[in-house]
Amino acid sequence: MMLQNYITLKEFCDLTKISPSTAYRMIRNGTLPAVKLAGTRNWKVPSQFVPDYDSKRMQILSNF
């Protein structure tokens, strides 16, 4: 079993240069795989998805 690392939604937005409102929209429409981990209130994004973000298409290119 591989341990998955997560980053905060704010970190994701900083790295990808998208706005938080766009990130929340991506979570709602399923193009950004984010979760709320047990015991937390904030969204977390698997760190493996950051390098595969295509800002022109506004979607994650990686298969998940």
N, C-alpha and C. Protein backbone atom coordinates (compact mmCIF):
# COMPACT_ATOMS: atom_id res chain seq x y z
N MET A 1 0.84 -1.19 0.00
CA MET A 1 0.00 0.00 0.00
C MET A 1 0.88 1.24 0.00
N MET A 2 0.59 2.16 -0.90
CA MET A 2 1.38 3.37 -1.00
C MET A 2 0.74 4.50 -0.20
N LEU A 3 1.52 5.14 0.64
CA LEU A 3 1.02 6.27 1.41
C LEU A 3 0.91 7.48 0.51
N GLN A 4 -0.27 8.10 0.52
CA GLN A 4 -0.50 9.23 -0.37
C GLN A 4 -0.31 10.54 0.40
N ASN A 5 0.41 11.47 -0.19
CA ASN A 5 0.60 12.78 0.41
C ASN A 5 -0.46 13.74 -0.10
N TYR A 6 -0.89 14.64 0.76
CA TYR A 6 -1.90 15.62 0.40
C TYR A 6 -1.36 17.03 0.62
N ILE A 7 -1.86 17.96 -0.15
CA ILE A 7 -1.58 19.37 0.07
C ILE A 7 -2.90 20.07 0.31
N THR A 8 -2.85 21.23 0.92
CA THR A 8 -4.08 21.97 1.16
C THR A 8 -4.58 22.58 -0.14
N LEU A 9 -5.83 22.95 -0.15
CA LEU A 9 -6.39 23.58 -1.34
C LEU A 9 -5.68 24.91 -1.61
N LYS A 10 -5.32 25.63 -0.55
CA LYS A 10 -4.59 26.88 -0.72
C LYS A 10 -3.23 26.62 -1.39
N GLU A 11 -2.53 25.60 -0.94
CA GLU A 11 -1.25 25.26 -1.56
C GLU A 11 -1.44 24.89 -3.03
N PHE A 12 -2.49 24.12 -3.32
CA PHE A 12 -2.78 23.75 -4.70
C PHE A 12 -3.01 25.01 -5.54
N CYS A 13 -3.79 25.94 -5.01
CA CYS A 13 -4.08 27.18 -5.74
C CYS A 13 -2.80 28.00 -5.96
N ASP A 14 -1.95 28.06 -4.95
CA ASP A 14 -0.69 28.79 -5.09
C ASP A 14 0.22 28.16 -6.15
N LEU A 15 0.29 26.84 -6.16
CA LEU A 15 1.16 26.13 -7.11
C LEU A 15 0.65 26.20 -8.54
N THR A 16 -0.66 26.17 -8.70
CA THR A 16 -1.23 26.12 -10.04
C THR A 16 -1.70 27.48 -10.54
N LYS A 17 -1.65 28.48 -9.66
CA LYS A 17 -2.04 29.85 -10.01
C LYS A 17 -3.51 29.96 -10.43
N ILE A 18 -4.36 29.15 -9.79
CA ILE A 18 -5.80 29.31 -10.03
C ILE A 18 -6.44 29.87 -8.78
N SER A 19 -7.59 30.47 -8.93
CA SER A 19 -8.27 31.07 -7.78
C SER A 19 -8.98 29.99 -6.96
N PRO A 20 -9.18 30.26 -5.67
CA PRO A 20 -9.91 29.31 -4.83
C PRO A 20 -11.32 29.03 -5.36
N SER A 21 -11.99 30.05 -5.90
CA SER A 21 -13.34 29.81 -6.41
C SER A 21 -13.32 28.85 -7.60
N THR A 22 -12.30 28.94 -8.45
CA THR A 22 -12.15 28.00 -9.56
C THR A 22 -11.87 26.60 -9.03
N ALA A 23 -11.02 26.50 -8.01
CA ALA A 23 -10.69 25.19 -7.43
C ALA A 23 -11.94 24.55 -6.83
N TYR A 24 -12.76 25.32 -6.10
CA TYR A 24 -13.99 24.78 -5.53
C TYR A 24 -14.94 24.32 -6.63
N ARG A 25 -15.01 25.06 -7.72
CA ARG A 25 -15.85 24.68 -8.86
C ARG A 25 -15.34 23.36 -9.46
N MET A 26 -14.02 23.22 -9.56
CA MET A 26 -13.43 21.99 -10.09
C MET A 26 -13.74 20.80 -9.18
N ILE A 27 -13.74 21.02 -7.87
CA ILE A 27 -14.09 19.95 -6.93
C ILE A 27 -15.55 19.54 -7.14
N ARG A 28 -16.43 20.54 -7.25
CA ARG A 28 -17.87 20.25 -7.43
C ARG A 28 -18.15 19.51 -8.73
N ASN A 29 -17.46 19.86 -9.82
CA ASN A 29 -17.76 19.21 -11.09
C ASN A 29 -16.91 17.96 -11.33
N GLY A 30 -16.05 17.60 -10.38
CA GLY A 30 -15.32 16.34 -10.45
C GLY A 30 -14.00 16.37 -11.20
N THR A 31 -13.55 17.53 -11.64
CA THR A 31 -12.28 17.57 -12.36
C THR A 31 -11.07 17.69 -11.43
N LEU A 32 -11.31 18.00 -10.16
CA LEU A 32 -10.23 18.04 -9.17
C LEU A 32 -10.55 17.05 -8.06
N PRO A 33 -9.76 15.98 -7.94
CA PRO A 33 -10.03 14.98 -6.91
C PRO A 33 -9.54 15.46 -5.55
N ALA A 34 -10.44 15.99 -4.75
CA ALA A 34 -10.09 16.49 -3.42
C ALA A 34 -10.93 15.77 -2.38
N VAL A 35 -10.40 15.69 -1.18
CA VAL A 35 -11.10 15.01 -0.09
C VAL A 35 -10.98 15.84 1.19
N LYS A 36 -11.88 15.56 2.10
CA LYS A 36 -11.74 16.09 3.44
C LYS A 36 -11.32 14.91 4.30
N LEU A 37 -10.10 14.94 4.80
CA LEU A 37 -9.58 13.85 5.60
C LEU A 37 -10.27 13.80 6.95
N ALA A 38 -10.33 12.63 7.55
CA ALA A 38 -10.98 12.46 8.85
C ALA A 38 -10.41 13.43 9.87
N GLY A 39 -11.30 14.14 10.54
CA GLY A 39 -10.89 15.07 11.58
C GLY A 39 -10.48 16.44 11.08
N THR A 40 -10.64 16.71 9.78
CA THR A 40 -10.28 18.03 9.25
C THR A 40 -11.49 18.69 8.60
N ARG A 41 -11.44 20.00 8.49
CA ARG A 41 -12.52 20.74 7.84
C ARG A 41 -12.12 21.22 6.46
N ASN A 42 -10.84 21.18 6.16
CA ASN A 42 -10.35 21.75 4.92
C ASN A 42 -10.16 20.69 3.84
N TRP A 43 -10.33 21.11 2.60
CA TRP A 43 -10.11 20.22 1.47
C TRP A 43 -8.63 19.95 1.31
N LYS A 44 -8.31 18.71 0.94
CA LYS A 44 -6.94 18.29 0.66
C LYS A 44 -6.91 17.71 -0.75
N VAL A 45 -5.83 17.99 -1.45
CA VAL A 45 -5.65 17.53 -2.83
C VAL A 45 -4.46 16.57 -2.84
N PRO A 46 -4.61 15.39 -3.45
CA PRO A 46 -3.45 14.50 -3.55
C PRO A 46 -2.32 15.22 -4.29
N SER A 47 -1.15 15.24 -3.70
CA SER A 47 -0.03 15.99 -4.28
C SER A 47 0.39 15.47 -5.64
N GLN A 48 0.08 14.23 -5.95
CA GLN A 48 0.45 13.66 -7.25
C GLN A 48 -0.25 14.35 -8.41
N PHE A 49 -1.32 15.10 -8.15
CA PHE A 49 -2.06 15.74 -9.22
C PHE A 49 -1.52 17.11 -9.61
N VAL A 50 -0.68 17.68 -8.81
CA VAL A 50 -0.20 19.03 -9.10
C VAL A 50 0.64 19.10 -10.38
N PRO A 51 1.61 18.22 -10.59
CA PRO A 51 2.41 18.35 -11.83
C PRO A 51 1.60 18.15 -13.10
N ASP A 52 0.46 17.48 -13.02
CA ASP A 52 -0.33 17.16 -14.20
C ASP A 52 -1.44 18.17 -14.48
N TYR A 53 -1.45 19.28 -13.77
CA TYR A 53 -2.49 20.28 -13.98
C TYR A 53 -2.21 21.07 -15.26
N ASP A 54 -3.20 21.15 -16.13
CA ASP A 54 -3.08 21.89 -17.38
C ASP A 54 -3.89 23.17 -17.25
N SER A 55 -3.22 24.31 -17.08
CA SER A 55 -3.92 25.57 -16.84
C SER A 55 -4.71 26.05 -18.05
N LYS A 56 -4.30 25.65 -19.25
CA LYS A 56 -5.05 26.05 -20.45
C LYS A 56 -6.39 25.34 -20.53
N ARG A 57 -6.41 24.05 -20.17
CA ARG A 57 -7.64 23.28 -20.22
C ARG A 57 -8.38 23.28 -18.91
N MET A 58 -7.74 23.82 -17.85
CA MET A 58 -8.30 23.89 -16.51
C MET A 58 -8.76 22.52 -16.02
N GLN A 59 -7.89 21.53 -16.16
CA GLN A 59 -8.22 20.21 -15.66
C GLN A 59 -6.96 19.43 -15.35
N ILE A 60 -7.13 18.41 -14.53
CA ILE A 60 -6.06 17.51 -14.20
C ILE A 60 -5.94 16.50 -15.34
N LEU A 61 -4.74 16.31 -15.87
CA LEU A 61 -4.55 15.43 -17.00
C LEU A 61 -4.28 13.99 -16.59
N SER A 62 -3.90 13.77 -15.35
CA SER A 62 -3.55 12.44 -14.87
C SER A 62 -4.79 11.57 -14.73
N ASN A 63 -4.64 10.28 -14.98
CA ASN A 63 -5.74 9.34 -14.74
C ASN A 63 -5.77 8.99 -13.26
N PHE A 64 -6.97 8.96 -12.69
CA PHE A 64 -7.09 8.61 -11.28
C PHE A 64 -8.25 7.69 -11.07
